[in-house]
């Protein structure tokens, strides 16, 4: 059973017809990107800002902080750099948030998954493994934790990556 993530939700309009699930970076929490809501000027949107679980992070001297997965090295090309179990747990938890939006009446093709830094890696992983086509994927100052699967439902989904 997947543990449901705590979230901060901001809704613009009375009847949102789209959603943005936005993942924060290492050590931050869901409040990190809340101030962007009025800056985007979008109408009828539900923003979901989850808090990553607290876990020990190797590069943080093993001290716990909010993290989507462990980081053991800054060289993401190293095979041991990717905490596959932690990433898989985060993918399942973020997928559950997207599924919850679908259950609330938002079609998958009206949902964007976004993330910053480590949250961007988790956002890309979730979107590329999600079983339905999404509206878009946003990654800010991030990296792709693995190659795009050939059978991804989101092979043709618009992606914005920026530093």
C-alpha atoms as a PDB file:
ATOM      1  CA  UNK A   1       0.000   0.000   0.000  1.00  0.00           C
ATOM      2  CA  UNK A   2       1.297   3.421  -0.970  1.00  0.00           C
ATOM      3  CA  UNK A   3       1.523   5.998   1.801  1.00  0.00           C
ATOM      4  CA  UNK A   4      -0.373   9.141   0.798  1.00  0.00           C
ATOM      5  CA  UNK A   5       1.764  12.251   0.744  1.00  0.00           C
ATOM      6  CA  UNK A   6       0.753  15.321   2.712  1.00  0.00           C
ATOM      7  CA  UNK A   7       0.010  18.210   0.361  1.00  0.00           C
ATOM      8  CA  UNK A   8      -0.641  21.913   0.211  1.00  0.00           C
ATOM      9  CA  UNK A   9      -3.458  22.686  -2.233  1.00  0.00           C
ATOM     10  CA  UNK A  10      -4.277  26.002  -3.836  1.00  0.00           C
ATOM     11  CA  UNK A  11      -7.281  26.351  -6.076  1.00  0.00           C
ATOM     12  CA  UNK A  12      -7.893  29.158  -8.537  1.00  0.00           C
ATOM     13  CA  UNK A  13     -11.555  29.402  -9.550  1.00  0.00           C
ATOM     14  CA  UNK A  14     -14.641  27.561  -8.364  1.00  0.00           C
ATOM     15  CA  UNK A  15     -14.502  24.662 -10.843  1.00  0.00           C
ATOM     16  CA  UNK A  16     -10.938  23.721 -11.757  1.00  0.00           C
ATOM     17  CA  UNK A  17     -10.757  21.799 -15.014  1.00  0.00           C
ATOM     18  CA  UNK A  18      -7.012  21.186 -14.843  1.00  0.00           C
ATOM     19  CA  UNK A  19      -4.380  20.452 -12.213  1.00  0.00           C
ATOM     20  CA  UNK A  20      -0.674  20.951 -11.696  1.00  0.00           C
ATOM     21  CA  UNK A  21       1.157  18.607  -9.339  1.00  0.00           C
ATOM     22  CA  UNK A  22       4.396  20.426  -8.443  1.00  0.00           C
ATOM     23  CA  UNK A  23       7.296  18.690  -6.650  1.00  0.00           C
ATOM     24  CA  UNK A  24       9.803  20.680  -4.582  1.00  0.00           C
ATOM     25  CA  UNK A  25      13.553  20.225  -4.399  1.00  0.00           C
ATOM     26  CA  UNK A  26      15.719  18.440  -1.852  1.00  0.00           C
ATOM     27  CA  UNK A  27      15.233  19.684   1.701  1.00  0.00           C
ATOM     28  CA  UNK A  28      12.296  21.975   0.882  1.00  0.00           C
ATOM     29  CA  UNK A  29       8.596  21.176   1.234  1.00  0.00           C
ATOM     30  CA  UNK A  30       5.318  21.699  -0.612  1.00  0.00           C
ATOM     31  CA  UNK A  31       5.151  25.337   0.473  1.00  0.00           C
ATOM     32  CA  UNK A  32       8.223  26.148  -1.617  1.00  0.00           C
ATOM     33  CA  UNK A  33       6.345  26.932  -4.852  1.00  0.00           C
ATOM     34  CA  UNK A  34       3.018  28.152  -3.436  1.00  0.00           C
ATOM     35  CA  UNK A  35       4.019  31.817  -4.131  1.00  0.00           C
ATOM     36  CA  UNK A  36       4.132  31.058  -7.873  1.00  0.00           C
ATOM     37  CA  UNK A  37       0.348  30.514  -8.058  1.00  0.00           C
ATOM     38  CA  UNK A  38      -0.673  34.188  -8.489  1.00  0.00           C
ATOM     39  CA  UNK A  39       2.352  34.864 -10.722  1.00  0.00           C
ATOM     40  CA  UNK A  40       1.168  32.314 -13.310  1.00  0.00           C
ATOM     41  CA  UNK A  41      -2.226  34.002 -13.670  1.00  0.00           C
ATOM     42  CA  UNK A  42      -4.050  30.808 -14.625  1.00  0.00           C
ATOM     43  CA  UNK A  43      -7.800  30.335 -14.082  1.00  0.00           C
ATOM     44  CA  UNK A  44      -9.681  27.218 -12.974  1.00  0.00           C
ATOM     45  CA  UNK A  45      -6.573  25.332 -11.820  1.00  0.00           C
ATOM     46  CA  UNK A  46      -5.963  23.158  -8.781  1.00  0.00           C
ATOM     47  CA  UNK A  47      -2.332  23.204  -7.663  1.00  0.00           C
ATOM     48  CA  UNK A  48      -1.138  20.261  -5.610  1.00  0.00           C
ATOM     49  CA  UNK A  49       2.168  20.779  -3.794  1.00  0.00           C
ATOM     50  CA  UNK A  50       3.140  17.561  -1.997  1.00  0.00           C
ATOM     51  CA  UNK A  51       5.700  17.253   0.790  1.00  0.00           C
ATOM     52  CA  UNK A  52       8.348  14.607   0.086  1.00  0.00           C
ATOM     53  CA  UNK A  53       8.842  12.107   2.910  1.00  0.00           C
ATOM     54  CA  UNK A  54      11.687  12.664   5.337  1.00  0.00           C
ATOM     55  CA  UNK A  55      14.504  10.188   4.754  1.00  0.00           C
ATOM     56  CA  UNK A  56      18.249   9.978   5.379  1.00  0.00           C
ATOM     57  CA  UNK A  57      20.223  11.474   2.486  1.00  0.00           C
ATOM     58  CA  UNK A  58      23.760  10.194   2.000  1.00  0.00           C
ATOM     59  CA  UNK A  59      25.075  13.510   0.618  1.00  0.00           C
ATOM     60  CA  UNK A  60      23.551  15.228   3.664  1.00  0.00           C
ATOM     61  CA  UNK A  61      25.864  13.177   5.942  1.00  0.00           C
ATOM     62  CA  UNK A  62      23.008  10.699   6.332  1.00  0.00           C
ATOM     63  CA  UNK A  63      20.858  13.267   8.116  1.00  0.00           C
ATOM     64  CA  UNK A  64      17.145  13.074   7.329  1.00  0.00           C
ATOM     65  CA  UNK A  65      15.448  15.760   5.272  1.00  0.00           C
ATOM     66  CA  UNK A  66      12.555  15.931   2.852  1.00  0.00           C
ATOM     67  CA  UNK A  67      13.718  14.024  -0.208  1.00  0.00           C
ATOM     68  CA  UNK A  68      12.084  12.165  -3.081  1.00  0.00           C
ATOM     69  CA  UNK A  69      14.919   9.595  -2.962  1.00  0.00           C
ATOM     70  CA  UNK A  70      18.441   9.225  -1.553  1.00  0.00           C
ATOM     71  CA  UNK A  71      21.341  10.937  -3.304  1.00  0.00           C
ATOM     72  CA  UNK A  72      24.671   9.158  -2.903  1.00  0.00           C
ATOM     73  CA  UNK A  73      26.788  11.101  -5.412  1.00  0.00           C
ATOM     74  CA  UNK A  74      26.529  14.198  -7.549  1.00  0.00           C
ATOM     75  CA  UNK A  75      27.614  12.207 -10.617  1.00  0.00           C
ATOM     76  CA  UNK A  76      24.216  11.022 -11.880  1.00  0.00           C
ATOM     77  CA  UNK A  77      25.939   8.829 -14.476  1.00  0.00           C
ATOM     78  CA  UNK A  78      27.232   6.454 -11.810  1.00  0.00           C
ATOM     79  CA  UNK A  79      25.073   3.294 -11.648  1.00  0.00           C
ATOM     80  CA  UNK A  80      24.857   3.433  -7.843  1.00  0.00           C
ATOM     81  CA  UNK A  81      23.839   7.108  -7.922  1.00  0.00           C
ATOM     82  CA  UNK A  82      20.154   6.303  -8.407  1.00  0.00           C
ATOM     83  CA  UNK A  83      18.196   5.135  -5.381  1.00  0.00           C
ATOM     84  CA  UNK A  84      15.790   3.050  -7.455  1.00  0.00           C
ATOM     85  CA  UNK A  85      13.697   1.942  -4.471  1.00  0.00           C
ATOM     86  CA  UNK A  86      13.274   5.495  -3.175  1.00  0.00           C
ATOM     87  CA  UNK A  87      12.475   6.799  -6.656  1.00  0.00           C
ATOM     88  CA  UNK A  88       9.942   3.997  -7.211  1.00  0.00           C
ATOM     89  CA  UNK A  89       8.257   4.850  -3.900  1.00  0.00           C
ATOM     90  CA  UNK A  90       8.019   8.510  -4.945  1.00  0.00           C
ATOM     91  CA  UNK A  91       6.692   7.588  -8.397  1.00  0.00           C
ATOM     92  CA  UNK A  92       3.952   5.518  -6.730  1.00  0.00           C
ATOM     93  CA  UNK A  93       3.089   8.330  -4.313  1.00  0.00           C
ATOM     94  CA  UNK A  94       2.957  11.021  -7.014  1.00  0.00           C
ATOM     95  CA  UNK A  95       0.986   8.687  -9.289  1.00  0.00           C
ATOM     96  CA  UNK A  96      -1.545   8.337  -6.450  1.00  0.00           C
ATOM     97  CA  UNK A  97      -1.873  12.148  -6.356  1.00  0.00           C
ATOM     98  CA  UNK A  98      -2.476  12.281 -10.117  1.00  0.00           C
ATOM     99  CA  UNK A  99      -5.005   9.457  -9.819  1.00  0.00           C
ATOM    100  CA  UNK A 100      -6.739  11.394  -7.020  1.00  0.00           C
ATOM    101  CA  UNK A 101      -7.112  14.376  -9.366  1.00  0.00           C
ATOM    102  CA  UNK A 102      -8.598  12.083 -12.017  1.00  0.00           C
ATOM    103  CA  UNK A 103     -11.032  10.753  -9.389  1.00  0.00           C
ATOM    104  CA  UNK A 104     -11.993  14.383  -8.639  1.00  0.00           C
ATOM    105  CA  UNK A 105     -12.972  14.847 -12.287  1.00  0.00           C
ATOM    106  CA  UNK A 106      -9.803  16.197 -13.925  1.00  0.00           C
ATOM    107  CA  UNK A 107      -8.916  14.271 -17.088  1.00  0.00           C
ATOM    108  CA  UNK A 108      -5.278  13.072 -17.277  1.00  0.00           C
ATOM    109  CA  UNK A 109      -4.743  15.135 -20.436  1.00  0.00           C
ATOM    110  CA  UNK A 110      -5.538  18.222 -18.282  1.00  0.00           C
ATOM    111  CA  UNK A 111      -2.869  17.433 -15.659  1.00  0.00           C
ATOM    112  CA  UNK A 112       0.722  18.688 -15.632  1.00  0.00           C
ATOM    113  CA  UNK A 113       3.430  17.179 -13.453  1.00  0.00           C
ATOM    114  CA  UNK A 114       6.161  19.693 -12.606  1.00  0.00           C
ATOM    115  CA  UNK A 115       9.218  19.637 -10.407  1.00  0.00           C
ATOM    116  CA  UNK A 116      12.355  21.460  -9.372  1.00  0.00           C
ATOM    117  CA  UNK A 117      15.787  19.856  -8.951  1.00  0.00           C
ATOM    118  CA  UNK A 118      15.331  16.470  -7.259  1.00  0.00           C
ATOM    119  CA  UNK A 119      11.566  16.986  -7.510  1.00  0.00           C
ATOM    120  CA  UNK A 120      12.037  17.494 -11.248  1.00  0.00           C
ATOM    121  CA  UNK A 121      13.714  14.091 -11.540  1.00  0.00           C
ATOM    122  CA  UNK A 122      10.803  12.508  -9.648  1.00  0.00           C
ATOM    123  CA  UNK A 123       8.309  14.441 -11.810  1.00  0.00           C
ATOM    124  CA  UNK A 124       9.954  13.267 -15.049  1.00  0.00           C
ATOM    125  CA  UNK A 125      10.057   9.676 -13.794  1.00  0.00           C
ATOM    126  CA  UNK A 126       6.398   9.754 -12.744  1.00  0.00           C
ATOM    127  CA  UNK A 127       5.194  11.336 -15.977  1.00  0.00           C
ATOM    128  CA  UNK A 128       7.186   8.998 -18.197  1.00  0.00           C
ATOM    129  CA  UNK A 129       5.836   5.957 -16.354  1.00  0.00           C
ATOM    130  CA  UNK A 130       2.237   7.226 -16.053  1.00  0.00           C
ATOM    131  CA  UNK A 131      -0.222   5.004 -17.936  1.00  0.00           C
ATOM    132  CA  UNK A 132      -2.265   7.824 -19.536  1.00  0.00           C
ATOM    133  CA  UNK A 133      -1.285  10.821 -21.625  1.00  0.00           C
ATOM    134  CA  UNK A 134      -0.767  13.961 -19.548  1.00  0.00           C
ATOM    135  CA  UNK A 135      -1.076  17.623 -20.545  1.00  0.00           C
ATOM    136  CA  UNK A 136       2.592  18.328 -19.964  1.00  0.00           C
ATOM    137  CA  UNK A 137       5.759  17.813 -17.993  1.00  0.00           C
ATOM    138  CA  UNK A 138       7.927  20.562 -16.488  1.00  0.00           C
ATOM    139  CA  UNK A 139      11.430  20.080 -15.119  1.00  0.00           C
ATOM    140  CA  UNK A 140      13.389  22.988 -13.672  1.00  0.00           C
ATOM    141  CA  UNK A 141      17.118  22.662 -12.899  1.00  0.00           C
ATOM    142  CA  UNK A 142      16.874  18.889 -12.996  1.00  0.00           C
ATOM    143  CA  UNK A 143      17.952  15.704 -14.745  1.00  0.00           C
ATOM    144  CA  UNK A 144      16.270  12.645 -16.220  1.00  0.00           C
ATOM    145  CA  UNK A 145      16.875   9.707 -13.866  1.00  0.00           C
ATOM    146  CA  UNK A 146      16.523   7.134 -16.673  1.00  0.00           C
ATOM    147  CA  UNK A 147      15.913   6.838 -20.414  1.00  0.00           C
ATOM    148  CA  UNK A 148      12.375   7.299 -21.714  1.00  0.00           C
ATOM    149  CA  UNK A 149      10.612   3.923 -21.942  1.00  0.00           C
ATOM    150  CA  UNK A 150       9.641   3.031 -25.532  1.00  0.00           C
ATOM    151  CA  UNK A 151       6.089   2.246 -24.435  1.00  0.00           C
ATOM    152  CA  UNK A 152       5.522   5.460 -22.441  1.00  0.00           C
ATOM    153  CA  UNK A 153       2.021   6.928 -22.865  1.00  0.00           C
ATOM    154  CA  UNK A 154       3.777  10.300 -22.688  1.00  0.00           C
ATOM    155  CA  UNK A 155       6.265   9.952 -25.560  1.00  0.00           C
ATOM    156  CA  UNK A 156       4.569  12.854 -27.359  1.00  0.00           C
ATOM    157  CA  UNK A 157       3.601  14.898 -24.295  1.00  0.00           C
ATOM    158  CA  UNK A 158       5.012  18.443 -24.310  1.00  0.00           C
ATOM    159  CA  UNK A 159       8.021  18.777 -22.024  1.00  0.00           C
ATOM    160  CA  UNK A 160       9.587  22.000 -20.786  1.00  0.00           C
ATOM    161  CA  UNK A 161      13.051  21.705 -19.280  1.00  0.00           C
ATOM    162  CA  UNK A 162      14.899  24.807 -18.084  1.00  0.00           C
ATOM    163  CA  UNK A 163      17.782  25.843 -15.881  1.00  0.00           C
END
